[in-house]
Amino acid sequence: MASMNTPICEFGWKAVDFNLKDPDGRAYTLADIKGPNGTLIMFICNHCPYVKAVADRIARDVRELAAKGIGVAAIMPNDYRRYPDDAPALMKTFAEAHGFDFPYLVDETQEVARAYDAVCTPDFFGFNADLELQYRGRLDASRKDQAPAARRELFEAMSQVAETGKGPEEQTASMGCSIKWA
């Protein structure tokens, strides 16, 4: 598995609309998940050790961000035919095991991942209420290690976005497994 870092935040870049389905076949668009104070789009998958290490903390942070008016969706961009651990049926199991209470969507054609220029899992895109990019950083400093005392960088950044519409100037890139392109 190739390890990748995300590019720096391109402040103001507009979120790209999508129409993706969850493992049960329910379709979601950007408008469906947009929050009144901001929106978080995450590219994650089931098999990546970086995602596995932080999945419970993602669920915790998303629950707290929802209370601040942040809408959230996770998108699985990998070619699950070549990486069957990321298949939709297993996405549902993964989401349930980690307490995801937000849509976990399949990017069947990988067009959405390409439109967002996603490079790895996890890759976080935090937008303000006007759907302008304000955060492209990491969840926290833990990487693949459990670091429960790590500063909650994504949570803090999106809380700031919810309050001010602006993300922090200093951001640390996310690190994860490369997206498995078809």
Protein backbone atom coordinates (compact mmCIF):
# COMPACT_ATOMS: atom_id res chain seq x y z
CA MET A 1 0.00 0.00 0.00
CA ALA A 2 1.48 3.29 -1.08
CA SER A 3 1.32 6.00 1.55
CA MET A 4 0.29 9.44 0.29
CA ASN A 5 -0.06 12.97 1.66
CA THR A 6 -2.83 15.32 0.60
CA PRO A 7 -2.07 18.65 -1.11
CA ILE A 8 -2.42 21.91 0.79
CA CYS A 9 -5.83 23.55 1.09
CA GLU A 10 -6.91 25.59 -1.93
CA PHE A 11 -9.04 28.08 0.01
CA GLY A 12 -12.30 29.00 -1.71
CA TRP A 13 -12.36 26.05 -4.14
CA LYS A 14 -16.04 25.15 -4.61
CA ALA A 15 -17.44 21.74 -3.65
CA VAL A 16 -18.41 19.57 -6.60
CA ASP A 17 -21.93 18.16 -6.69
CA PHE A 18 -22.44 14.40 -6.78
CA ASN A 19 -25.15 11.79 -6.90
CA LEU A 20 -23.93 8.64 -5.13
CA LYS A 21 -25.62 5.70 -3.46
CA ASP A 22 -25.09 4.09 -0.10
CA PRO A 23 -24.79 0.27 0.14
CA ASP A 24 -28.59 0.01 0.45
CA GLY A 25 -29.10 1.90 -2.83
CA ARG A 26 -30.30 5.21 -1.39
CA ALA A 27 -28.99 8.13 -3.46
CA TYR A 28 -27.49 11.29 -1.96
CA THR A 29 -26.44 14.57 -3.55
CA LEU A 30 -24.32 17.36 -2.12
CA ALA A 31 -27.52 19.29 -1.36
CA ASP A 32 -28.81 16.35 0.70
CA ILE A 33 -25.87 16.40 3.08
CA LYS A 34 -24.99 20.13 3.09
CA GLY A 35 -25.10 21.60 6.58
CA PRO A 36 -26.25 25.14 7.41
CA ASN A 37 -22.80 26.02 8.81
CA GLY A 38 -20.56 23.87 6.64
CA THR A 39 -20.03 20.50 5.00
CA LEU A 40 -17.42 17.80 5.45
CA ILE A 41 -16.71 15.35 2.63
CA MET A 42 -14.41 12.46 3.55
CA PHE A 43 -12.86 9.90 1.24
CA ILE A 44 -12.37 6.73 3.26
CA CYS A 45 -12.44 2.96 2.78
CA ASN A 46 -12.73 -0.18 4.88
CA HIS A 47 -9.34 -1.82 4.39
CA CYS A 48 -6.92 1.11 4.88
CA PRO A 49 -5.02 0.84 8.19
CA TYR A 50 -5.02 4.65 8.48
CA VAL A 51 -8.82 4.73 8.29
CA LYS A 52 -9.22 1.73 10.61
CA ALA A 53 -7.09 3.48 13.22
CA VAL A 54 -9.27 6.60 13.27
CA ALA A 55 -12.76 5.36 12.31
CA ASP A 56 -14.14 5.55 15.85
CA ARG A 57 -12.74 9.08 16.29
CA ILE A 58 -14.22 10.10 12.93
CA ALA A 59 -17.64 8.93 14.16
CA ARG A 60 -17.21 10.83 17.46
CA ASP A 61 -16.12 14.05 15.76
CA VAL A 62 -18.90 13.88 13.17
CA ARG A 63 -21.55 13.50 15.89
CA GLU A 64 -20.21 16.60 17.64
CA LEU A 65 -19.87 18.55 14.37
CA ALA A 66 -23.48 17.74 13.41
CA ALA A 67 -24.56 19.60 16.56
CA LYS A 68 -22.69 22.63 15.18
CA GLY A 69 -24.54 22.52 11.85
CA ILE A 70 -21.93 20.64 9.80
CA GLY A 71 -23.31 18.17 7.26
CA VAL A 72 -21.19 15.11 6.50
CA ALA A 73 -20.77 12.32 3.99
CA ALA A 74 -18.05 9.73 3.57
CA ILE A 75 -17.25 8.45 0.09
CA MET A 76 -15.54 5.15 -0.69
CA PRO A 77 -13.53 5.78 -3.89
CA ASN A 78 -11.62 2.50 -4.32
CA ASP A 79 -12.06 -0.09 -7.07
CA TYR A 80 -13.72 -2.67 -4.84
CA ARG A 81 -13.64 -5.31 -7.58
CA ARG A 82 -9.86 -5.43 -7.15
CA TYR A 83 -10.07 -4.68 -3.40
CA PRO A 84 -13.07 -6.74 -2.23
CA ASP A 85 -12.62 -5.66 1.41
CA ASP A 86 -14.10 -2.32 0.25
CA ALA A 87 -17.22 -3.87 -1.32
CA PRO A 88 -20.55 -2.14 -0.54
CA ALA A 89 -21.83 -4.97 1.70
CA LEU A 90 -18.68 -4.66 3.82
CA MET A 91 -19.00 -0.85 3.85
CA LYS A 92 -22.32 -1.29 5.62
CA THR A 93 -20.74 -3.65 8.17
CA PHE A 94 -17.81 -1.25 8.68
CA ALA A 95 -20.13 1.73 9.18
CA GLU A 96 -22.24 -0.16 11.72
CA ALA A 97 -19.16 -1.42 13.60
CA HIS A 98 -17.83 2.12 13.99
CA GLY A 99 -21.13 3.86 14.69
CA PHE A 100 -21.28 5.98 11.54
CA ASP A 101 -24.47 8.03 11.60
CA PHE A 102 -23.74 9.77 8.30
CA PRO A 103 -24.01 8.52 4.72
CA TYR A 104 -21.17 6.25 3.57
CA LEU A 105 -21.39 6.34 -0.22
CA VAL A 106 -19.90 4.33 -3.09
CA ASP A 107 -18.09 6.22 -5.86
CA GLU A 108 -18.69 3.45 -8.39
CA THR A 109 -17.12 5.29 -11.35
CA GLN A 110 -14.50 7.14 -9.26
CA GLU A 111 -15.61 10.38 -11.00
CA VAL A 112 -16.30 12.14 -7.71
CA ALA A 113 -12.89 11.26 -6.26
CA ARG A 114 -11.29 12.60 -9.45
CA ALA A 115 -13.39 15.78 -9.37
CA TYR A 116 -12.26 16.43 -5.79
CA ASP A 117 -8.68 15.44 -6.63
CA ALA A 118 -8.74 13.01 -3.71
CA VAL A 119 -5.44 11.20 -3.33
CA CYS A 120 -5.70 8.95 -0.30
CA THR A 121 -7.86 7.47 2.40
CA PRO A 122 -8.58 9.28 4.59
CA ASP A 123 -8.80 12.57 2.67
CA PHE A 124 -10.88 15.31 4.34
CA PHE A 125 -12.50 18.28 2.57
CA GLY A 126 -14.08 20.86 4.88
CA PHE A 127 -16.33 23.49 3.30
CA ASN A 128 -18.05 26.56 4.74
CA ALA A 129 -21.77 27.35 4.37
CA ASP A 130 -21.08 28.68 0.84
CA LEU A 131 -19.40 25.35 -0.08
CA GLU A 132 -15.96 26.98 -0.31
CA LEU A 133 -13.04 24.81 0.77
CA GLN A 134 -11.62 25.85 4.14
CA TYR A 135 -9.88 22.69 5.38
CA ARG A 136 -7.85 19.95 3.70
CA GLY A 137 -5.92 18.49 6.57
CA ARG A 138 -5.74 15.52 8.84
CA LEU A 139 -8.05 14.24 11.55
CA ASP A 140 -5.28 14.43 14.13
CA ALA A 141 -1.60 13.57 14.56
CA SER A 142 -2.21 9.89 15.25
CA ARG A 143 -1.72 8.49 11.72
CA LYS A 144 -1.98 4.69 12.18
CA ASP A 145 -1.20 4.76 15.89
CA GLN A 146 -3.78 5.19 18.61
CA ALA A 147 -3.19 8.62 20.13
CA PRO A 148 -6.29 9.44 22.17
CA ALA A 149 -4.72 12.64 23.52
CA ALA A 150 -3.90 13.98 20.02
CA ARG A 151 -5.23 17.45 19.23
CA ARG A 152 -8.50 17.14 17.30
CA GLU A 153 -7.38 19.15 14.26
CA LEU A 154 -10.32 18.34 11.93
CA PHE A 155 -12.86 18.93 14.70
CA GLU A 156 -11.26 22.23 15.70
CA ALA A 157 -11.00 23.40 12.08
CA MET A 158 -14.62 22.55 11.25
CA SER A 159 -15.83 24.09 14.51
CA GLN A 160 -14.03 27.29 13.46
CA VAL A 161 -15.62 27.05 10.00
CA ALA A 162 -19.07 26.65 11.60
CA GLU A 163 -18.49 29.76 13.73
CA THR A 164 -16.63 32.06 11.33
CA GLY A 165 -16.91 30.61 7.81
CA LYS A 166 -13.11 30.44 7.64
CA GLY A 167 -10.70 27.58 8.26
CA PRO A 168 -7.31 27.81 9.97
CA GLU A 169 -4.43 29.20 7.92
CA GLU A 170 -2.07 26.46 9.13
CA GLN A 171 -3.09 22.91 8.27
CA THR A 172 -1.20 19.62 8.32
CA ALA A 173 -1.79 17.30 5.37
CA SER A 174 -3.64 14.06 5.87
CA MET A 175 -1.72 10.85 5.27
CA GLY A 176 -3.16 7.57 4.14
CA CYS A 177 -3.26 4.79 1.58
CA SER A 178 -3.39 5.75 -2.07
CA ILE A 179 -6.76 5.51 -3.77
CA LYS A 180 -7.09 2.25 -5.66
CA TRP A 181 -7.96 3.45 -9.16
CA ALA A 182 -9.62 1.15 -11.69
